N, C-alpha and C. Protein backbone atom coordinates (compact mmCIF):
# COMPACT_ATOMS: atom_id res chain seq x y z
N MET A 1 -5.88 -2.30 -7.37
CA MET A 1 -5.15 -3.31 -7.50
C MET A 1 -4.81 -3.82 -6.22
N LYS A 2 -4.76 -5.37 -6.15
CA LYS A 2 -4.52 -6.18 -4.62
C LYS A 2 -3.20 -5.79 -4.14
N THR A 3 -3.05 -5.48 -2.75
CA THR A 3 -1.59 -5.30 -2.19
C THR A 3 -1.33 -6.35 -1.91
N SER A 4 0.12 -6.52 -1.55
CA SER A 4 0.94 -7.78 -1.33
C SER A 4 0.78 -7.68 0.49
N VAL A 5 0.98 -6.38 1.21
CA VAL A 5 0.57 -6.60 2.59
C VAL A 5 -0.41 -5.77 2.75
N ASN A 6 -1.17 -6.40 3.60
CA ASN A 6 -2.70 -6.07 3.89
C ASN A 6 -2.68 -5.00 5.05
N VAL A 7 -3.74 -4.29 5.35
CA VAL A 7 -3.86 -3.59 6.33
C VAL A 7 -4.13 -4.21 7.72
N GLY A 8 -3.25 -3.85 8.50
CA GLY A 8 -3.31 -4.57 9.88
C GLY A 8 -2.32 -5.61 9.84
N ALA A 9 -1.44 -5.99 8.67
CA ALA A 9 -0.26 -6.92 8.84
C ALA A 9 0.90 -6.15 9.29
N ALA A 10 1.71 -6.76 9.74
CA ALA A 10 3.10 -6.48 9.81
C ALA A 10 4.05 -6.05 8.71
N ALA A 11 4.54 -5.11 8.40
CA ALA A 11 5.04 -4.51 7.35
C ALA A 11 6.64 -5.30 7.25
N PRO A 12 6.77 -5.96 6.41
CA PRO A 12 8.33 -6.27 5.96
C PRO A 12 9.19 -5.53 6.13
N ASP A 13 10.44 -5.65 7.19
CA ASP A 13 11.43 -4.89 7.39
C ASP A 13 12.10 -4.92 5.64
N PHE A 14 12.65 -3.85 5.17
CA PHE A 14 13.77 -3.62 4.06
C PHE A 14 14.40 -2.65 4.58
N ALA A 15 15.60 -2.53 3.72
CA ALA A 15 16.34 -1.33 3.64
C ALA A 15 17.03 -1.15 1.90
N LEU A 16 17.07 0.13 1.74
CA LEU A 16 17.27 1.07 0.53
C LEU A 16 18.16 2.14 0.80
N ARG A 17 18.70 2.57 -0.09
CA ARG A 17 19.70 3.79 -0.42
C ARG A 17 18.63 4.99 -0.31
N ASP A 18 19.07 6.18 0.24
CA ASP A 18 18.71 7.37 -0.09
C ASP A 18 19.15 8.12 -1.16
N GLN A 19 18.78 9.54 -1.41
CA GLN A 19 19.67 10.36 -2.14
C GLN A 19 20.94 10.70 -2.19
N ASP A 20 21.34 10.53 -0.83
CA ASP A 20 22.97 10.75 -0.52
C ASP A 20 23.58 9.75 -0.23
N GLY A 21 22.92 8.35 -0.48
CA GLY A 21 23.87 6.89 -0.46
C GLY A 21 23.61 6.33 0.38
N GLU A 22 22.78 6.84 1.92
CA GLU A 22 22.57 6.39 3.05
C GLU A 22 22.05 5.08 3.18
N GLU A 23 21.96 4.22 4.08
CA GLU A 23 21.01 2.96 4.05
C GLU A 23 19.61 3.56 4.97
N TRP A 24 18.45 3.64 4.71
CA TRP A 24 17.43 3.91 5.35
C TRP A 24 16.70 2.24 5.41
N ARG A 25 16.89 1.64 6.98
CA ARG A 25 15.87 0.67 6.91
C ARG A 25 14.76 1.16 8.06
N LEU A 26 13.32 0.29 7.34
CA LEU A 26 12.37 0.64 8.00
C LEU A 26 12.23 0.09 9.65
N SER A 27 13.11 -1.14 10.21
CA SER A 27 12.81 -1.43 11.64
C SER A 27 13.52 -0.60 12.30
N ALA A 28 14.46 0.40 11.65
CA ALA A 28 15.16 1.26 12.44
C ALA A 28 14.02 2.45 12.96
N ARG A 29 13.09 2.51 12.30
CA ARG A 29 11.92 3.75 12.59
C ARG A 29 10.83 3.17 13.28
N ARG A 30 11.19 2.32 13.89
CA ARG A 30 10.06 1.63 15.04
C ARG A 30 9.98 2.72 16.05
N GLY A 31 8.64 2.93 16.68
CA GLY A 31 8.07 3.81 17.65
C GLY A 31 7.70 4.80 16.82
N ARG A 32 7.79 5.02 15.62
CA ARG A 32 7.06 6.40 14.77
C ARG A 32 6.28 5.71 13.60
N VAL A 33 5.28 6.68 13.17
CA VAL A 33 4.88 6.44 12.01
C VAL A 33 5.58 6.51 10.74
N VAL A 34 5.35 5.68 9.91
CA VAL A 34 6.34 6.16 8.62
C VAL A 34 5.38 5.71 7.70
N VAL A 35 5.44 6.73 6.47
CA VAL A 35 4.66 6.83 5.26
C VAL A 35 5.86 6.59 4.11
N LEU A 36 4.92 5.64 3.61
CA LEU A 36 6.05 5.40 2.10
C LEU A 36 5.03 6.03 0.56
N LEU A 37 5.77 7.04 0.23
CA LEU A 37 4.96 7.25 -1.07
C LEU A 37 5.60 6.94 -2.32
N PHE A 38 5.27 5.59 -2.83
CA PHE A 38 5.77 5.16 -4.31
C PHE A 38 5.25 5.90 -5.26
N TYR A 39 6.30 6.43 -6.02
CA TYR A 39 5.87 6.86 -7.42
C TYR A 39 6.73 6.19 -8.57
N PRO A 40 6.28 6.34 -9.55
CA PRO A 40 6.86 5.79 -11.13
C PRO A 40 8.22 6.62 -11.48
N GLY A 41 8.47 7.99 -11.42
CA GLY A 41 9.71 8.46 -11.40
C GLY A 41 9.88 9.81 -11.30
N ASP A 42 11.44 9.91 -11.16
CA ASP A 42 11.71 11.38 -10.98
C ASP A 42 11.16 12.35 -12.38
N GLU A 43 11.01 13.20 -12.12
CA GLU A 43 11.06 14.71 -13.12
C GLU A 43 10.02 13.90 -14.15
N THR A 44 9.18 13.13 -13.96
CA THR A 44 7.93 13.03 -14.56
C THR A 44 6.81 14.34 -14.16
N PRO A 45 6.12 14.40 -15.12
CA PRO A 45 5.03 15.77 -14.46
C PRO A 45 4.16 15.17 -13.60
N VAL A 46 3.37 14.16 -13.68
CA VAL A 46 2.65 13.99 -12.15
C VAL A 46 3.33 13.57 -11.07
N CYS A 47 4.53 13.03 -11.06
CA CYS A 47 5.25 12.61 -10.09
C CYS A 47 5.95 13.84 -9.24
N THR A 48 6.59 14.93 -10.01
CA THR A 48 6.92 16.38 -9.48
C THR A 48 5.96 17.06 -9.15
N ARG A 49 4.61 17.06 -9.72
CA ARG A 49 3.60 17.95 -9.03
C ARG A 49 3.40 17.18 -7.60
N GLN A 50 3.45 15.93 -7.32
CA GLN A 50 3.25 14.99 -6.21
C GLN A 50 4.20 15.39 -5.28
N MET A 51 5.46 15.45 -5.39
CA MET A 51 6.38 15.67 -4.36
C MET A 51 6.51 17.15 -3.98
N CYS A 52 6.39 18.10 -5.39
CA CYS A 52 6.62 19.57 -5.13
C CYS A 52 4.92 19.78 -3.93
N SER A 53 4.14 19.12 -4.17
CA SER A 53 2.96 19.18 -3.21
C SER A 53 3.30 19.03 -1.98
N VAL A 54 3.92 17.57 -1.80
CA VAL A 54 4.36 17.49 -0.10
C VAL A 54 5.30 18.21 0.35
N ARG A 55 5.99 18.94 -0.26
CA ARG A 55 7.55 19.78 -0.36
C ARG A 55 6.40 21.09 0.50
N ASP A 56 5.30 21.38 -0.29
CA ASP A 56 4.76 22.77 0.05
C ASP A 56 3.84 22.43 1.25
N ARG A 57 3.49 21.41 1.41
CA ARG A 57 2.89 20.95 2.66
C ARG A 57 3.74 20.61 4.16
N TRP A 58 4.91 20.63 3.70
CA TRP A 58 5.88 19.95 4.41
C TRP A 58 5.79 20.24 6.17
N GLU A 59 5.06 21.25 6.36
CA GLU A 59 4.63 21.94 7.87
C GLU A 59 3.63 20.88 8.49
N ASP A 60 2.70 20.92 7.40
CA ASP A 60 1.61 19.97 7.85
C ASP A 60 2.14 18.56 7.76
N TYR A 61 3.19 17.98 7.41
CA TYR A 61 3.57 16.57 7.49
C TYR A 61 4.40 16.50 8.62
N ALA A 62 5.57 17.29 8.91
CA ALA A 62 6.33 17.44 9.71
C ALA A 62 5.30 17.74 11.00
N ALA A 63 4.25 18.18 11.24
CA ALA A 63 3.58 18.34 12.38
C ALA A 63 3.13 17.20 12.81
N THR A 64 3.02 16.11 12.09
CA THR A 64 2.65 14.73 12.39
C THR A 64 3.23 13.77 13.06
N GLY A 65 4.65 14.40 13.01
CA GLY A 65 5.38 13.67 13.89
C GLY A 65 5.61 12.42 12.96
N ALA A 66 5.57 12.02 11.61
CA ALA A 66 5.80 10.79 11.01
C ALA A 66 6.70 11.21 10.40
N GLU A 67 7.57 10.04 9.68
CA GLU A 67 8.77 9.88 8.67
C GLU A 67 7.91 9.99 7.28
N VAL A 68 8.38 10.77 6.45
CA VAL A 68 7.60 10.64 5.32
C VAL A 68 8.70 10.16 4.15
N VAL A 69 8.72 9.06 3.39
CA VAL A 69 9.93 9.38 2.25
C VAL A 69 9.27 8.68 0.96
N GLY A 70 9.88 9.32 -0.26
CA GLY A 70 9.43 8.69 -1.53
C GLY A 70 10.41 7.67 -1.87
N VAL A 71 9.52 6.62 -2.50
CA VAL A 71 9.99 5.72 -3.21
C VAL A 71 10.16 5.31 -4.55
N SER A 72 11.44 5.24 -5.41
CA SER A 72 10.50 4.90 -6.86
C SER A 72 11.96 3.83 -7.05
N THR A 73 11.85 3.89 -8.33
CA THR A 73 12.85 2.87 -9.13
C THR A 73 14.06 3.51 -9.72
N ASP A 74 14.02 4.90 -9.28
CA ASP A 74 14.92 5.62 -10.07
C ASP A 74 16.28 5.48 -9.28
N SER A 75 17.38 5.82 -9.57
CA SER A 75 18.89 5.87 -9.15
C SER A 75 18.97 6.69 -7.97
N VAL A 76 19.95 6.41 -7.08
CA VAL A 76 20.30 7.67 -6.30
C VAL A 76 20.75 8.78 -6.22
N GLU A 77 21.42 8.52 -7.80
CA GLU A 77 22.15 10.13 -8.37
C GLU A 77 20.87 10.91 -8.97
N SER A 78 19.76 9.98 -9.35
CA SER A 78 18.69 10.46 -10.17
C SER A 78 17.68 11.28 -9.02
N HIS A 79 17.69 10.42 -7.84
CA HIS A 79 17.13 11.04 -6.49
C HIS A 79 17.77 12.44 -6.20
N ARG A 80 18.98 12.37 -6.09
CA ARG A 80 19.80 13.50 -5.81
C ARG A 80 19.53 14.54 -6.58
N LYS A 81 19.70 14.57 -7.65
CA LYS A 81 19.46 15.40 -8.59
C LYS A 81 17.82 16.28 -8.75
N PHE A 82 16.78 15.23 -8.65
CA PHE A 82 15.62 15.52 -8.59
C PHE A 82 15.01 16.39 -7.13
N ALA A 83 15.73 15.71 -6.20
CA ALA A 83 15.54 16.54 -4.86
C ALA A 83 16.40 17.81 -4.63
N ASP A 84 17.39 17.95 -5.07
CA ASP A 84 18.00 19.08 -5.49
C ASP A 84 17.27 20.24 -5.90
N ARG A 85 17.21 19.59 -7.56
CA ARG A 85 16.13 20.89 -8.37
C ARG A 85 15.21 21.21 -7.69
N HIS A 86 14.20 20.42 -7.03
CA HIS A 86 12.80 20.83 -6.62
C HIS A 86 12.86 21.23 -5.35
N SER A 87 14.45 21.09 -4.28
CA SER A 87 14.52 21.35 -2.92
C SER A 87 13.31 20.67 -2.20
N LEU A 88 13.39 19.36 -2.27
CA LEU A 88 12.57 18.25 -1.45
C LEU A 88 12.90 18.12 -0.50
N PRO A 89 11.95 18.21 0.94
CA PRO A 89 12.83 18.39 2.04
C PRO A 89 12.82 16.29 2.61
N LEU A 90 11.88 15.85 1.72
CA LEU A 90 11.79 14.34 2.42
C LEU A 90 12.78 13.36 1.46
N ARG A 91 13.30 12.22 2.52
CA ARG A 91 13.98 11.37 1.64
C ARG A 91 13.50 10.76 0.64
N LEU A 92 14.30 10.29 -0.31
CA LEU A 92 13.96 9.29 -1.53
C LEU A 92 14.62 8.42 -1.42
N LEU A 93 13.93 7.21 -1.49
CA LEU A 93 14.38 5.97 -1.54
C LEU A 93 14.79 5.17 -2.88
N SER A 94 15.81 4.68 -3.10
CA SER A 94 16.15 4.08 -4.57
C SER A 94 15.38 2.40 -4.45
N ASP A 95 14.66 1.97 -5.10
CA ASP A 95 14.24 0.76 -5.22
C ASP A 95 14.67 0.02 -6.55
N PRO A 96 15.69 0.04 -7.03
CA PRO A 96 16.14 -0.56 -8.77
C PRO A 96 15.48 -1.59 -9.01
N ASP A 97 15.27 -2.51 -8.28
CA ASP A 97 14.68 -3.69 -8.71
C ASP A 97 13.12 -4.05 -8.47
N ARG A 98 12.34 -3.40 -7.89
CA ARG A 98 10.88 -3.19 -7.52
C ARG A 98 10.60 -3.83 -6.63
N ARG A 99 11.97 -4.46 -5.59
CA ARG A 99 11.21 -5.43 -4.44
C ARG A 99 10.58 -5.10 -3.41
N VAL A 100 10.82 -3.80 -3.03
CA VAL A 100 10.15 -2.93 -1.91
C VAL A 100 8.70 -3.06 -2.59
N ALA A 101 8.75 -2.40 -3.89
CA ALA A 101 7.32 -2.02 -4.32
C ALA A 101 6.43 -3.01 -4.33
N GLU A 102 6.78 -4.18 -4.85
CA GLU A 102 6.06 -5.17 -5.17
C GLU A 102 5.66 -6.00 -3.59
N MET A 103 6.51 -5.81 -2.66
CA MET A 103 6.19 -6.21 -1.49
C MET A 103 4.79 -5.67 -1.08
N PHE A 104 5.02 -4.06 -1.34
CA PHE A 104 3.54 -3.27 -0.85
C PHE A 104 2.30 -3.24 -1.80
N GLY A 105 2.52 -3.86 -3.10
CA GLY A 105 1.65 -4.02 -3.97
C GLY A 105 1.49 -2.87 -4.94
N ALA A 106 2.87 -2.00 -4.96
CA ALA A 106 3.07 -0.87 -6.05
C ALA A 106 3.36 -1.53 -7.18
N LYS A 107 3.24 -2.32 -7.70
CA LYS A 107 3.53 -2.99 -9.07
C LYS A 107 2.65 -2.25 -10.21
N SER A 108 3.56 -1.62 -10.85
CA SER A 108 2.99 -1.10 -12.15
C SER A 108 3.09 -1.66 -13.43
N TRP A 109 2.08 -1.35 -14.27
CA TRP A 109 2.20 -1.87 -15.40
C TRP A 109 3.25 -1.35 -16.63
N LEU A 110 4.05 -0.35 -15.93
CA LEU A 110 5.03 0.07 -16.77
C LEU A 110 6.31 -0.61 -16.54
N PRO A 111 7.06 -1.30 -17.48
CA PRO A 111 8.20 -2.01 -17.08
C PRO A 111 9.11 -1.50 -16.05
N GLY A 112 9.38 -1.78 -15.46
CA GLY A 112 10.77 -1.10 -14.76
C GLY A 112 10.51 -0.26 -13.43
N ARG A 113 9.01 0.12 -13.29
CA ARG A 113 8.63 0.98 -12.55
C ARG A 113 7.71 0.95 -11.37
N ALA A 114 7.88 1.38 -10.51
CA ALA A 114 6.83 1.34 -9.19
C ALA A 114 5.37 1.68 -9.68
N ALA A 115 4.48 1.23 -9.04
CA ALA A 115 2.95 2.20 -9.32
C ALA A 115 2.92 3.34 -8.02
N ARG A 116 2.11 4.16 -8.27
CA ARG A 116 1.82 5.14 -7.48
C ARG A 116 1.42 4.76 -6.28
N ALA A 117 1.62 4.73 -4.97
CA ALA A 117 0.61 4.00 -3.66
C ALA A 117 1.39 5.33 -2.30
N VAL A 118 0.24 4.67 -1.56
CA VAL A 118 0.67 5.70 -0.45
C VAL A 118 0.89 4.49 0.72
N VAL A 119 1.65 4.01 1.44
CA VAL A 119 1.47 3.14 2.68
C VAL A 119 1.93 3.98 3.94
N VAL A 120 0.95 3.52 4.90
CA VAL A 120 1.28 4.37 6.08
C VAL A 120 1.47 3.16 6.95
N ILE A 121 2.47 3.02 8.10
CA ILE A 121 2.57 2.31 8.99
C ILE A 121 2.58 2.54 10.35
N ASP A 122 2.14 2.13 11.30
CA ASP A 122 1.98 2.49 12.34
C ASP A 122 3.06 2.71 13.38
N ALA A 123 3.16 3.30 14.76
CA ALA A 123 4.36 2.96 15.57
C ALA A 123 5.10 1.56 15.71
N GLU A 124 3.82 0.76 16.03
CA GLU A 124 4.42 -0.55 16.10
C GLU A 124 4.93 -1.60 15.04
N GLY A 125 4.70 -0.71 13.69
CA GLY A 125 5.10 -1.62 12.44
C GLY A 125 4.05 -2.25 11.71
N ARG A 126 2.73 -1.97 12.12
CA ARG A 126 1.52 -2.71 11.25
C ARG A 126 1.42 -1.53 10.63
N VAL A 127 0.90 -2.19 9.27
CA VAL A 127 0.19 -1.03 7.98
C VAL A 127 -0.80 -1.04 8.09
N ARG A 128 -1.41 0.19 8.50
CA ARG A 128 -2.33 0.99 8.46
C ARG A 128 -3.20 1.50 7.66
N HIS A 129 -2.73 1.74 6.33
CA HIS A 129 -3.18 2.52 5.11
C HIS A 129 -2.38 1.86 3.79
N ASN A 130 -2.75 1.58 2.70
CA ASN A 130 -2.41 0.67 1.80
C ASN A 130 -3.17 0.74 0.69
N ARG A 131 -2.56 2.14 -0.16
CA ARG A 131 -3.46 2.13 -1.51
C ARG A 131 -2.69 2.47 -2.48
N ALA A 132 -2.80 1.74 -3.58
CA ALA A 132 -2.25 1.37 -4.86
C ALA A 132 -2.73 1.56 -5.98
N ALA A 133 -2.31 2.25 -6.97
CA ALA A 133 -3.08 2.20 -8.24
C ALA A 133 -1.94 2.20 -9.33
N PRO A 134 -2.12 0.99 -10.28
CA PRO A 134 -1.40 0.84 -11.31
C PRO A 134 -1.41 2.07 -12.41
N LEU A 135 -2.10 2.89 -12.20
CA LEU A 135 -2.48 3.55 -13.57
C LEU A 135 -1.63 5.18 -12.97
N SER A 136 -0.74 5.42 -13.55
CA SER A 136 0.54 6.77 -12.75
C SER A 136 -0.45 7.92 -12.63
N LEU A 137 -1.87 8.08 -13.65
CA LEU A 137 -2.10 9.59 -13.03
C LEU A 137 -2.56 9.70 -12.25
N PHE A 138 -2.94 8.93 -11.10
CA PHE A 138 -3.43 8.92 -10.03
C PHE A 138 -2.32 9.81 -9.01
N ARG A 139 -2.97 10.88 -8.35
CA ARG A 139 -2.13 11.61 -7.48
C ARG A 139 -3.12 11.77 -6.16
N PRO A 140 -2.22 11.05 -5.16
CA PRO A 140 -2.81 11.17 -3.58
C PRO A 140 -2.75 12.45 -3.11
N LYS A 141 -4.04 12.52 -2.99
CA LYS A 141 -4.29 14.20 -2.11
C LYS A 141 -3.80 14.35 -1.02
N ASP A 142 -3.09 15.46 -0.60
CA ASP A 142 -2.43 15.69 0.67
C ASP A 142 -3.12 15.19 2.12
N ASP A 143 -4.22 16.00 1.85
CA ASP A 143 -4.96 15.81 2.86
C ASP A 143 -5.58 14.64 3.31
N GLU A 144 -5.58 13.56 1.96
CA GLU A 144 -5.83 12.02 2.62
C GLU A 144 -4.71 11.44 3.15
N VAL A 145 -3.38 12.04 2.80
CA VAL A 145 -2.39 11.33 3.60
C VAL A 145 -2.64 11.61 4.62
N LEU A 146 -2.42 12.73 4.94
CA LEU A 146 -2.25 13.59 6.47
C LEU A 146 -3.31 12.96 7.49
N ASP A 147 -4.49 12.37 6.62
CA ASP A 147 -5.80 11.91 7.63
C ASP A 147 -5.18 10.36 7.64
N ALA A 148 -4.70 9.62 6.95
CA ALA A 148 -4.14 8.62 7.07
C ALA A 148 -2.89 8.26 8.17
N ILE A 149 -2.62 9.26 8.25
CA ILE A 149 -1.13 9.39 9.51
C ILE A 149 -1.87 9.45 10.45
N SER A 150 -3.08 10.60 10.78
CA SER A 150 -3.55 10.84 12.14
C SER A 150 -4.47 9.60 12.21
N GLU A 151 -4.97 8.69 11.21
CA GLU A 151 -5.45 7.35 11.80
C GLU A 151 -4.46 6.62 12.34
N ALA A 152 -3.21 6.25 11.65
CA ALA A 152 -2.38 5.39 12.17
C ALA A 152 -1.52 5.80 13.67
N ARG A 153 -1.42 7.18 13.98
CA ARG A 153 -1.23 7.50 15.00
C ARG A 153 -2.04 7.16 15.89
N ARG A 154 -3.60 7.21 15.80
CA ARG A 154 -4.53 6.88 16.84
C ARG A 154 -4.30 5.24 17.21
N SER A 155 -3.99 4.38 16.35
CA SER A 155 -4.07 3.02 16.13
C SER A 155 -3.00 2.52 17.24
């Protein structure tokens, strides 16, 4: 799937609400690497495995210094329940109209859902990695995401 924001381009700013209802704004993270993990939905089998895998490797993610967030079209309340039920350490952002997902090329063939995608943005706000897949069974490997973070830190 072609991405809307190409690697090397400046990432567009956006603000979304997290599972606590707090605003999360990309531009406020300038100066550090940011990872956007787009996924189709809370409590679905592949998505739950993906987010629990991130949880289980959280020390490795935290050691990179990157801010890692999950993004789906589910509601703030759904995210809160999902994060609580699975003890997820990362913030989950609600993108109910798919606006942000579509900006980064994470448009799913499933109505109202985001595609699974990994976007890594460097400390200067440039996209360094953008892999989106319209098929929801694709699940990024943690080592691949961690490698993309390392690449973004070197750029």
